[in-house]
């Protein structure tokens, strides 16, 4: 579910996950919605009463994932770096 992305109410949790990922070196954390933080969060919702991501949010996330995968396919040695 998407909440107030501009205020990032789950930032402490996000930072804890990011820190754990970097310490374990077992995951490449991709920021799929970080670039949308300045936008009006409700425009990314399915409905005002359903804050799951809509087609706009999914399209944006898919673009980030596609770009990252294309980079990894061209340069596999970058698999440890963030996008």
C-alpha atoms as a PDB file:
ATOM      1  CA  UNK A   1       0.000   0.000   0.000  1.00  0.00           C
ATOM      2  CA  UNK A   2       1.122   3.516  -0.727  1.00  0.00           C
ATOM      3  CA  UNK A   3       0.957   6.162   1.938  1.00  0.00           C
ATOM      4  CA  UNK A   4       2.259   9.719   2.026  1.00  0.00           C
ATOM      5  CA  UNK A   5       5.382   9.188  -0.082  1.00  0.00           C
ATOM      6  CA  UNK A   6       6.527  12.793   0.305  1.00  0.00           C
ATOM      7  CA  UNK A   7       6.596  12.482   4.116  1.00  0.00           C
ATOM      8  CA  UNK A   8       7.842   8.870   3.898  1.00  0.00           C
ATOM      9  CA  UNK A   9       6.211   7.710   7.166  1.00  0.00           C
ATOM     10  CA  UNK A  10       7.948   4.336   6.962  1.00  0.00           C
ATOM     11  CA  UNK A  11      11.424   5.835   6.503  1.00  0.00           C
ATOM     12  CA  UNK A  12      12.850   4.252   9.702  1.00  0.00           C
ATOM     13  CA  UNK A  13      11.694   0.805   8.554  1.00  0.00           C
ATOM     14  CA  UNK A  14      12.980   1.446   5.040  1.00  0.00           C
ATOM     15  CA  UNK A  15      16.383   2.511   6.385  1.00  0.00           C
ATOM     16  CA  UNK A  16      16.571  -0.587   8.609  1.00  0.00           C
ATOM     17  CA  UNK A  17      15.854  -2.827   5.614  1.00  0.00           C
ATOM     18  CA  UNK A  18      18.377  -0.950   3.463  1.00  0.00           C
ATOM     19  CA  UNK A  19      21.004  -1.274   6.200  1.00  0.00           C
ATOM     20  CA  UNK A  20      20.358  -5.000   6.645  1.00  0.00           C
ATOM     21  CA  UNK A  21      20.558  -5.567   2.896  1.00  0.00           C
ATOM     22  CA  UNK A  22      23.886  -3.777   2.623  1.00  0.00           C
ATOM     23  CA  UNK A  23      25.319  -5.681   5.603  1.00  0.00           C
ATOM     24  CA  UNK A  24      24.276  -9.112   4.359  1.00  0.00           C
ATOM     25  CA  UNK A  25      25.348  -8.522   0.763  1.00  0.00           C
ATOM     26  CA  UNK A  26      22.669 -10.951  -0.375  1.00  0.00           C
ATOM     27  CA  UNK A  27      20.249  -8.539  -1.963  1.00  0.00           C
ATOM     28  CA  UNK A  28      20.379  -5.695  -4.421  1.00  0.00           C
ATOM     29  CA  UNK A  29      17.786  -3.211  -3.152  1.00  0.00           C
ATOM     30  CA  UNK A  30      16.092  -1.300  -5.945  1.00  0.00           C
ATOM     31  CA  UNK A  31      14.252   1.928  -5.211  1.00  0.00           C
ATOM     32  CA  UNK A  32      11.182   1.692  -7.415  1.00  0.00           C
ATOM     33  CA  UNK A  33       9.132   4.584  -6.051  1.00  0.00           C
ATOM     34  CA  UNK A  34      11.800   6.907  -4.653  1.00  0.00           C
ATOM     35  CA  UNK A  35      11.587   9.079  -7.743  1.00  0.00           C
ATOM     36  CA  UNK A  36       7.860   9.564  -7.237  1.00  0.00           C
ATOM     37  CA  UNK A  37       8.157  10.859  -3.658  1.00  0.00           C
ATOM     38  CA  UNK A  38       7.525  14.445  -4.696  1.00  0.00           C
ATOM     39  CA  UNK A  39       4.311  13.591  -6.477  1.00  0.00           C
ATOM     40  CA  UNK A  40       0.826  13.608  -5.104  1.00  0.00           C
ATOM     41  CA  UNK A  41       0.545  10.170  -3.519  1.00  0.00           C
ATOM     42  CA  UNK A  42      -3.223   9.732  -4.124  1.00  0.00           C
ATOM     43  CA  UNK A  43      -2.622   9.825  -7.881  1.00  0.00           C
ATOM     44  CA  UNK A  44      -0.763   6.524  -7.421  1.00  0.00           C
ATOM     45  CA  UNK A  45      -3.640   4.819  -5.582  1.00  0.00           C
ATOM     46  CA  UNK A  46      -6.182   2.432  -7.066  1.00  0.00           C
ATOM     47  CA  UNK A  47      -8.974   4.408  -5.347  1.00  0.00           C
ATOM     48  CA  UNK A  48      -9.215   6.933  -2.479  1.00  0.00           C
ATOM     49  CA  UNK A  49     -10.258   4.078  -0.186  1.00  0.00           C
ATOM     50  CA  UNK A  50      -7.735   1.594  -1.636  1.00  0.00           C
ATOM     51  CA  UNK A  51      -4.137   2.776  -1.372  1.00  0.00           C
ATOM     52  CA  UNK A  52      -2.660  -0.131  -3.303  1.00  0.00           C
ATOM     53  CA  UNK A  53      -0.548   1.008  -6.274  1.00  0.00           C
ATOM     54  CA  UNK A  54      -2.464   1.712  -9.471  1.00  0.00           C
ATOM     55  CA  UNK A  55      -1.344   1.401 -13.103  1.00  0.00           C
ATOM     56  CA  UNK A  56       0.698   4.629 -12.891  1.00  0.00           C
ATOM     57  CA  UNK A  57       2.709   3.371  -9.909  1.00  0.00           C
ATOM     58  CA  UNK A  58       3.143  -0.065 -11.491  1.00  0.00           C
ATOM     59  CA  UNK A  59       4.288   1.456 -14.784  1.00  0.00           C
ATOM     60  CA  UNK A  60       6.845   3.602 -12.986  1.00  0.00           C
ATOM     61  CA  UNK A  61       8.131   0.655 -10.925  1.00  0.00           C
ATOM     62  CA  UNK A  62       8.303  -1.527 -14.044  1.00  0.00           C
ATOM     63  CA  UNK A  63      10.375   1.144 -15.782  1.00  0.00           C
ATOM     64  CA  UNK A  64      12.867   1.243 -12.902  1.00  0.00           C
ATOM     65  CA  UNK A  65      13.095  -2.564 -12.824  1.00  0.00           C
ATOM     66  CA  UNK A  66      13.482  -2.781 -16.608  1.00  0.00           C
ATOM     67  CA  UNK A  67      16.241  -0.174 -16.618  1.00  0.00           C
ATOM     68  CA  UNK A  68      18.082  -1.955 -13.802  1.00  0.00           C
ATOM     69  CA  UNK A  69      17.806  -5.362 -15.480  1.00  0.00           C
ATOM     70  CA  UNK A  70      19.024  -3.973 -18.805  1.00  0.00           C
ATOM     71  CA  UNK A  71      22.047  -2.477 -17.022  1.00  0.00           C
ATOM     72  CA  UNK A  72      22.776  -5.783 -15.284  1.00  0.00           C
ATOM     73  CA  UNK A  73      22.518  -7.712 -18.544  1.00  0.00           C
ATOM     74  CA  UNK A  74      24.989  -5.339 -20.205  1.00  0.00           C
ATOM     75  CA  UNK A  75      27.297  -5.130 -17.158  1.00  0.00           C
ATOM     76  CA  UNK A  76      26.912  -8.154 -14.838  1.00  0.00           C
ATOM     77  CA  UNK A  77      29.723  -6.886 -12.588  1.00  0.00           C
ATOM     78  CA  UNK A  78      27.366  -4.101 -11.423  1.00  0.00           C
ATOM     79  CA  UNK A  79      25.042  -6.567  -9.707  1.00  0.00           C
ATOM     80  CA  UNK A  80      26.092  -5.328  -6.251  1.00  0.00           C
ATOM     81  CA  UNK A  81      25.501  -1.645  -6.898  1.00  0.00           C
ATOM     82  CA  UNK A  82      22.305   0.316  -6.439  1.00  0.00           C
ATOM     83  CA  UNK A  83      20.624   1.839  -9.490  1.00  0.00           C
END
